[in-house]
Amino acid sequence: MFSHDAGWFGPQKPGGGTFRGFTDIENFLIPALKENGFTQEELDLILIQNPAQAFQVKLRLSKN
């Protein structure tokens, strides 16, 4: 799954460095994937369907 972590922070730089917004996935990753042949169905799978499934709460039934 993809994340918008705040990996921009550089403690050695004044003020922590130059802030990068939380739009790199939309502004850079998705267009690059499309340019390299990813279909909308594949994008939906990795950006919507897989994360939705990963965060589902499932009931585990006991075999007792």
N, C-alpha and C. Protein backbone atom coordinates (compact mmCIF):
# COMPACT_ATOMS: atom_id res chain seq x y z
N MET A 1 0.85 -1.17 0.00
CA MET A 1 0.00 0.00 0.00
C MET A 1 0.89 1.24 0.00
N PHE A 2 0.35 2.29 -0.53
CA PHE A 2 1.10 3.55 -0.60
C PHE A 2 0.75 4.42 0.59
N SER A 3 1.68 5.29 0.96
CA SER A 3 1.51 6.13 2.13
C SER A 3 1.95 7.56 1.83
N HIS A 4 1.38 8.48 2.54
CA HIS A 4 1.78 9.89 2.45
C HIS A 4 2.54 10.28 3.71
N ASP A 5 3.54 9.51 4.06
CA ASP A 5 4.32 9.81 5.26
C ASP A 5 5.07 11.13 5.09
N ALA A 6 5.41 11.72 6.20
CA ALA A 6 6.13 12.99 6.19
C ALA A 6 7.62 12.74 6.08
N GLY A 7 8.06 12.08 5.05
CA GLY A 7 9.47 11.77 4.87
C GLY A 7 10.31 12.93 4.40
N TRP A 8 9.71 14.10 4.30
CA TRP A 8 10.43 15.27 3.81
C TRP A 8 11.32 15.88 4.87
N PHE A 9 11.10 15.60 6.12
CA PHE A 9 11.78 16.30 7.21
C PHE A 9 13.26 15.94 7.25
N GLY A 10 14.09 16.96 7.26
CA GLY A 10 15.54 16.78 7.38
C GLY A 10 16.04 17.57 8.57
N PRO A 11 16.25 16.93 9.73
CA PRO A 11 16.62 17.67 10.94
C PRO A 11 17.90 18.47 10.80
N GLN A 12 18.77 18.09 9.90
CA GLN A 12 20.03 18.81 9.71
C GLN A 12 19.84 20.10 8.90
N LYS A 13 18.67 20.27 8.30
CA LYS A 13 18.42 21.45 7.46
C LYS A 13 17.66 22.51 8.25
N PRO A 14 17.89 23.78 7.94
CA PRO A 14 17.14 24.84 8.64
C PRO A 14 15.64 24.66 8.49
N GLY A 15 14.94 24.70 9.59
CA GLY A 15 13.48 24.55 9.57
C GLY A 15 13.02 23.16 9.16
N GLY A 16 13.94 22.21 9.11
CA GLY A 16 13.57 20.85 8.75
C GLY A 16 13.60 20.57 7.26
N GLY A 17 13.94 21.56 6.46
CA GLY A 17 13.99 21.37 5.01
C GLY A 17 12.76 21.93 4.33
N THR A 18 12.66 21.67 3.05
CA THR A 18 11.55 22.16 2.25
C THR A 18 10.38 21.19 2.35
N PHE A 19 9.25 21.70 2.78
CA PHE A 19 8.06 20.86 2.93
C PHE A 19 7.56 20.41 1.57
N ARG A 20 7.24 19.12 1.48
CA ARG A 20 6.60 18.57 0.28
C ARG A 20 5.20 18.16 0.69
N GLY A 21 4.23 18.61 -0.04
CA GLY A 21 2.84 18.34 0.29
C GLY A 21 2.49 16.86 0.21
N PHE A 22 1.25 16.57 0.50
CA PHE A 22 0.78 15.19 0.53
C PHE A 22 0.06 14.82 -0.76
N THR A 23 0.57 15.31 -1.88
CA THR A 23 -0.09 15.06 -3.17
C THR A 23 0.82 14.36 -4.18
N ASP A 24 1.96 13.86 -3.75
CA ASP A 24 2.90 13.23 -4.69
C ASP A 24 2.29 12.01 -5.38
N ILE A 25 1.46 11.25 -4.67
CA ILE A 25 0.84 10.09 -5.31
C ILE A 25 -0.03 10.55 -6.47
N GLU A 26 -0.86 11.56 -6.23
CA GLU A 26 -1.76 12.05 -7.27
C GLU A 26 -1.02 12.81 -8.36
N ASN A 27 -0.03 13.60 -7.96
CA ASN A 27 0.65 14.46 -8.93
C ASN A 27 1.76 13.78 -9.72
N PHE A 28 2.39 12.76 -9.13
CA PHE A 28 3.56 12.16 -9.78
C PHE A 28 3.41 10.65 -10.02
N LEU A 29 3.03 9.90 -8.98
CA LEU A 29 3.00 8.45 -9.12
C LEU A 29 1.94 7.98 -10.11
N ILE A 30 0.70 8.43 -9.95
CA ILE A 30 -0.37 7.97 -10.84
C ILE A 30 -0.10 8.32 -12.29
N PRO A 31 0.29 9.57 -12.59
CA PRO A 31 0.62 9.87 -14.00
C PRO A 31 1.77 9.01 -14.53
N ALA A 32 2.79 8.74 -13.71
CA ALA A 32 3.91 7.90 -14.16
C ALA A 32 3.45 6.47 -14.43
N LEU A 33 2.59 5.95 -13.57
CA LEU A 33 2.08 4.60 -13.79
C LEU A 33 1.26 4.53 -15.08
N LYS A 34 0.42 5.54 -15.31
CA LYS A 34 -0.38 5.57 -16.53
C LYS A 34 0.50 5.66 -17.77
N GLU A 35 1.55 6.49 -17.69
CA GLU A 35 2.47 6.63 -18.82
C GLU A 35 3.19 5.32 -19.11
N ASN A 36 3.30 4.45 -18.12
CA ASN A 36 3.99 3.17 -18.29
C ASN A 36 3.04 2.00 -18.44
N GLY A 37 1.79 2.30 -18.84
CA GLY A 37 0.88 1.25 -19.26
C GLY A 37 -0.09 0.70 -18.22
N PHE A 38 -0.10 1.25 -17.01
CA PHE A 38 -1.08 0.78 -16.03
C PHE A 38 -2.48 1.20 -16.45
N THR A 39 -3.42 0.28 -16.33
CA THR A 39 -4.81 0.59 -16.67
C THR A 39 -5.51 1.18 -15.45
N GLN A 40 -6.67 1.79 -15.69
CA GLN A 40 -7.45 2.32 -14.58
C GLN A 40 -7.88 1.20 -13.64
N GLU A 41 -8.16 0.04 -14.19
CA GLU A 41 -8.52 -1.12 -13.36
C GLU A 41 -7.38 -1.51 -12.42
N GLU A 42 -6.15 -1.50 -12.93
CA GLU A 42 -4.99 -1.82 -12.09
C GLU A 42 -4.75 -0.75 -11.03
N LEU A 43 -4.93 0.51 -11.40
CA LEU A 43 -4.78 1.58 -10.42
C LEU A 43 -5.82 1.46 -9.32
N ASP A 44 -7.05 1.17 -9.70
CA ASP A 44 -8.11 0.98 -8.70
C ASP A 44 -7.78 -0.17 -7.76
N LEU A 45 -7.19 -1.22 -8.31
CA LEU A 45 -6.83 -2.38 -7.50
C LEU A 45 -5.79 -2.02 -6.44
N ILE A 46 -4.71 -1.34 -6.85
CA ILE A 46 -3.64 -1.05 -5.89
C ILE A 46 -3.92 0.15 -5.00
N LEU A 47 -4.77 1.07 -5.44
CA LEU A 47 -5.01 2.28 -4.65
C LEU A 47 -6.34 2.29 -3.88
N ILE A 48 -7.28 1.43 -4.28
CA ILE A 48 -8.60 1.43 -3.63
C ILE A 48 -8.95 0.06 -3.07
N GLN A 49 -8.98 -0.93 -3.94
CA GLN A 49 -9.47 -2.25 -3.52
C GLN A 49 -8.55 -2.93 -2.51
N ASN A 50 -7.25 -2.99 -2.77
CA ASN A 50 -6.33 -3.64 -1.84
C ASN A 50 -6.32 -2.96 -0.47
N PRO A 51 -6.21 -1.62 -0.40
CA PRO A 51 -6.25 -0.99 0.92
C PRO A 51 -7.58 -1.23 1.65
N ALA A 52 -8.68 -1.21 0.92
CA ALA A 52 -9.99 -1.46 1.56
C ALA A 52 -10.03 -2.86 2.15
N GLN A 53 -9.49 -3.82 1.43
CA GLN A 53 -9.48 -5.20 1.93
C GLN A 53 -8.51 -5.33 3.12
N ALA A 54 -7.38 -4.66 3.07
CA ALA A 54 -6.39 -4.76 4.14
C ALA A 54 -6.93 -4.23 5.46
N PHE A 55 -7.81 -3.25 5.41
CA PHE A 55 -8.33 -2.64 6.63
C PHE A 55 -9.68 -3.20 7.08
N GLN A 56 -10.14 -4.25 6.43
CA GLN A 56 -11.39 -4.87 6.86
C GLN A 56 -11.19 -5.58 8.19
N VAL A 57 -12.22 -5.55 9.00
CA VAL A 57 -12.22 -6.31 10.24
C VAL A 57 -12.95 -7.61 9.95
N LYS A 58 -12.27 -8.70 10.19
CA LYS A 58 -12.89 -10.00 9.89
C LYS A 58 -13.12 -10.76 11.19
N LEU A 59 -14.21 -11.44 11.25
CA LEU A 59 -14.56 -12.26 12.40
C LEU A 59 -13.90 -13.62 12.25
N ARG A 60 -13.12 -14.00 13.24
CA ARG A 60 -12.47 -15.31 13.20
C ARG A 60 -13.35 -16.26 14.02
N LEU A 61 -13.82 -17.29 13.39
CA LEU A 61 -14.67 -18.26 14.07
C LEU A 61 -13.80 -19.34 14.70
N SER A 62 -14.11 -19.64 15.94
CA SER A 62 -13.39 -20.68 16.67
C SER A 62 -13.82 -22.06 16.17
N LYS A 63 -12.88 -22.96 16.12
CA LYS A 63 -13.19 -24.33 15.69
C LYS A 63 -13.56 -25.20 16.89
N ASN A 64 -13.68 -24.64 18.06
CA ASN A 64 -14.01 -25.41 19.28
C ASN A 64 -15.46 -25.73 19.33
